[in-house]
Amino acid sequence: MFTEITWAAYLRVTAAALFIYYSILLLKFYFPQIRAAAGAGAPFHSMGSPIQAEPNATSAIMEGGGNLTPTGEFQQPVTDYEIIEELVDRVKKNLIEAFESKADQQTVTNGLKAIVNDYPVLGQSTFRPSINEFIATESQQHGFTFMNETLAETLWQKA
């Protein structure tokens, strides 16, 4: 039917079309991240000159743009998702340890309260009901049936 189109020509056109398509997708969805990564990186220096910290690094920290690590590198701020992930890991470890040591209700509650109070940012977060549900569900899976979402909500209150 298409005798004038060879397989080689077809594959070349298809490869070119795919390259253009994926390039457009890459630029559309990842251009802001690429631009931010290029802008946040250290400026280009020649091989002979030492790399120095930016003079405005202190103002960047004060504006909430990030932190400087002890090595002088610029670190992006931690997101709520990373904080929640850390909290989830700690809650799971705490419940496993409490289950293995056959801890009582008060010990489990105090341990969870201490963990939750280490994350005051999440106390004001929109994720708080989901975190309470997770704590209640995970507690019940480990045999601590007294824990429910209402009790998990009281863990956020300061002593």
Protein backbone atom coordinates (compact mmCIF):
# COMPACT_ATOMS: atom_id res chain seq x y z
CA MET A 1 0.00 0.00 0.00
CA PHE A 2 2.70 2.53 1.00
CA THR A 3 5.43 1.37 -1.31
CA GLU A 4 7.19 4.74 -1.53
CA ILE A 5 7.87 4.85 2.27
CA THR A 6 10.74 2.66 3.47
CA TRP A 7 11.06 1.28 6.96
CA ALA A 8 14.19 3.35 7.53
CA ALA A 9 12.37 6.56 6.60
CA TYR A 10 9.40 5.60 8.78
CA LEU A 11 11.63 4.92 11.78
CA ARG A 12 13.54 8.20 11.32
CA VAL A 13 10.31 10.22 11.22
CA THR A 14 8.90 8.34 14.22
CA ALA A 15 12.10 8.86 16.23
CA ALA A 16 12.16 12.58 15.38
CA ALA A 17 8.47 12.95 16.33
CA LEU A 18 9.01 11.14 19.63
CA PHE A 19 12.05 13.27 20.42
CA ILE A 20 10.10 16.47 19.81
CA TYR A 21 7.09 15.20 21.79
CA TYR A 22 9.11 14.18 24.85
CA SER A 23 11.18 17.35 24.70
CA ILE A 24 8.00 19.42 24.85
CA LEU A 25 6.71 17.33 27.79
CA LEU A 26 10.03 17.67 29.58
CA LEU A 27 10.08 21.43 29.16
CA LYS A 28 6.41 21.84 30.05
CA PHE A 29 6.49 19.87 33.29
CA TYR A 30 10.09 20.13 34.47
CA PHE A 31 11.31 23.51 33.24
CA PRO A 32 10.58 25.31 36.55
CA GLN A 33 12.53 22.65 38.47
CA ILE A 34 15.41 22.74 36.00
CA ARG A 35 15.52 26.54 36.16
CA ALA A 36 15.42 26.49 39.97
CA ALA A 37 18.21 23.91 40.13
CA ALA A 38 20.34 25.92 37.75
CA GLY A 39 19.67 29.16 39.63
CA ALA A 40 20.26 27.71 43.11
CA GLY A 41 23.55 26.08 42.17
CA ALA A 42 26.91 27.65 42.64
CA PRO A 43 27.97 30.09 39.94
CA PHE A 44 30.41 28.88 37.34
CA HIS A 45 34.06 29.30 38.35
CA SER A 46 37.17 28.51 36.44
CA MET A 47 39.29 25.56 37.48
CA GLY A 48 41.91 27.75 39.18
CA SER A 49 39.65 29.91 41.35
CA PRO A 50 38.24 28.59 44.62
CA ILE A 51 34.48 28.34 45.04
CA GLN A 52 33.21 30.66 47.75
CA ALA A 53 29.83 30.92 49.43
CA GLU A 54 27.43 33.49 48.09
CA PRO A 55 27.60 36.79 49.96
CA ASN A 56 23.79 36.88 50.18
CA ALA A 57 23.49 33.41 51.72
CA THR A 58 22.60 34.91 55.10
CA SER A 59 19.73 36.89 53.64
CA ALA A 60 18.48 33.77 51.83
CA ILE A 61 18.31 31.94 55.16
CA MET A 62 16.51 34.82 56.88
CA GLU A 63 13.93 34.95 54.10
CA GLY A 64 13.13 31.28 54.64
CA GLY A 65 14.58 30.10 51.35
CA GLY A 66 16.65 27.34 52.87
CA ASN A 67 19.56 26.53 55.18
CA LEU A 68 23.29 26.33 54.90
CA THR A 69 24.69 23.00 55.95
CA PRO A 70 27.87 22.84 58.05
CA THR A 71 29.83 22.27 54.83
CA GLY A 72 28.48 25.52 53.38
CA GLU A 73 26.10 23.93 50.91
CA PHE A 74 22.65 25.37 50.34
CA GLN A 75 19.85 23.06 51.49
CA GLN A 76 16.21 23.36 50.44
CA PRO A 77 13.60 23.62 53.21
CA VAL A 78 12.01 20.41 54.44
CA THR A 79 8.48 19.78 53.19
CA ASP A 80 5.48 18.61 55.22
CA TYR A 81 5.64 15.30 53.38
CA GLU A 82 9.19 14.65 54.57
CA ILE A 83 8.22 15.55 58.13
CA ILE A 84 5.17 13.26 57.96
CA GLU A 85 7.31 10.44 56.60
CA GLU A 86 9.67 10.83 59.56
CA LEU A 87 6.76 10.91 62.00
CA VAL A 88 5.25 7.76 60.45
CA ASP A 89 8.55 5.91 60.81
CA ARG A 90 8.90 6.94 64.45
CA VAL A 91 5.31 5.97 65.29
CA LYS A 92 5.75 2.55 63.69
CA LYS A 93 9.01 1.90 65.56
CA ASN A 94 7.49 3.05 68.83
CA LEU A 95 4.45 0.81 68.44
CA ILE A 96 6.57 -2.19 67.51
CA GLU A 97 8.76 -1.68 70.58
CA ALA A 98 5.70 -1.20 72.80
CA PHE A 99 4.11 -4.36 71.41
CA GLU A 100 7.27 -6.40 71.94
CA SER A 101 7.67 -5.16 75.52
CA LYS A 102 3.93 -5.57 76.22
CA ALA A 103 3.63 -1.95 77.34
CA ASP A 104 0.51 -0.69 79.08
CA GLN A 105 -1.92 1.94 77.79
CA GLN A 106 -0.30 4.86 79.61
CA THR A 107 3.20 4.01 78.31
CA VAL A 108 1.98 3.76 74.73
CA THR A 109 0.03 7.01 75.02
CA ASN A 110 2.99 8.86 76.55
CA GLY A 111 5.35 7.56 73.86
CA LEU A 112 3.03 8.65 71.06
CA LYS A 113 2.44 12.01 72.74
CA ALA A 114 6.20 12.62 72.93
CA ILE A 115 6.59 11.80 69.23
CA VAL A 116 3.68 13.99 68.15
CA ASN A 117 4.91 16.93 70.26
CA ASP A 118 8.25 16.79 68.43
CA TYR A 119 6.41 18.00 65.31
CA PRO A 120 4.52 21.18 66.28
CA VAL A 121 4.32 22.22 62.62
CA LEU A 122 2.08 19.26 61.90
CA GLY A 123 -0.22 20.24 64.76
CA GLN A 124 -1.38 23.18 62.63
CA SER A 125 -1.28 21.23 59.36
CA THR A 126 -4.22 20.15 57.25
CA PHE A 127 -2.78 16.64 57.48
CA ARG A 128 -3.53 16.38 61.20
CA PRO A 129 -6.78 14.35 60.82
CA SER A 130 -5.01 11.92 58.49
CA ILE A 131 -2.14 11.57 60.95
CA ASN A 132 -4.63 10.88 63.76
CA GLU A 133 -6.31 8.21 61.63
CA PHE A 134 -2.93 6.65 60.87
CA ILE A 135 -1.95 6.57 64.55
CA ALA A 136 -5.28 4.97 65.52
CA THR A 137 -5.15 2.39 62.73
CA GLU A 138 -1.52 1.48 63.28
CA SER A 139 -2.07 1.19 67.06
CA GLN A 140 -5.02 -1.12 66.57
CA GLN A 141 -3.03 -3.28 64.15
CA HIS A 142 -0.41 -3.75 66.87
CA GLY A 143 -3.04 -4.79 69.42
CA PHE A 144 -3.57 -1.49 71.22
CA THR A 145 -7.34 -1.40 70.76
CA PHE A 146 -7.86 1.50 73.15
CA MET A 147 -6.42 3.97 70.62
CA ASN A 148 -8.96 5.72 68.41
CA GLU A 149 -8.95 8.96 66.43
CA THR A 150 -10.41 10.95 69.33
CA LEU A 151 -7.65 9.80 71.66
CA ALA A 152 -5.07 10.41 68.93
CA GLU A 153 -6.35 13.99 68.67
CA THR A 154 -5.66 14.53 72.39
CA LEU A 155 -2.03 13.57 71.86
CA TRP A 156 -1.39 16.95 70.22
CA GLN A 157 -2.22 18.89 73.38
CA LYS A 158 0.74 20.15 75.37
CA ALA A 159 1.09 18.86 78.91
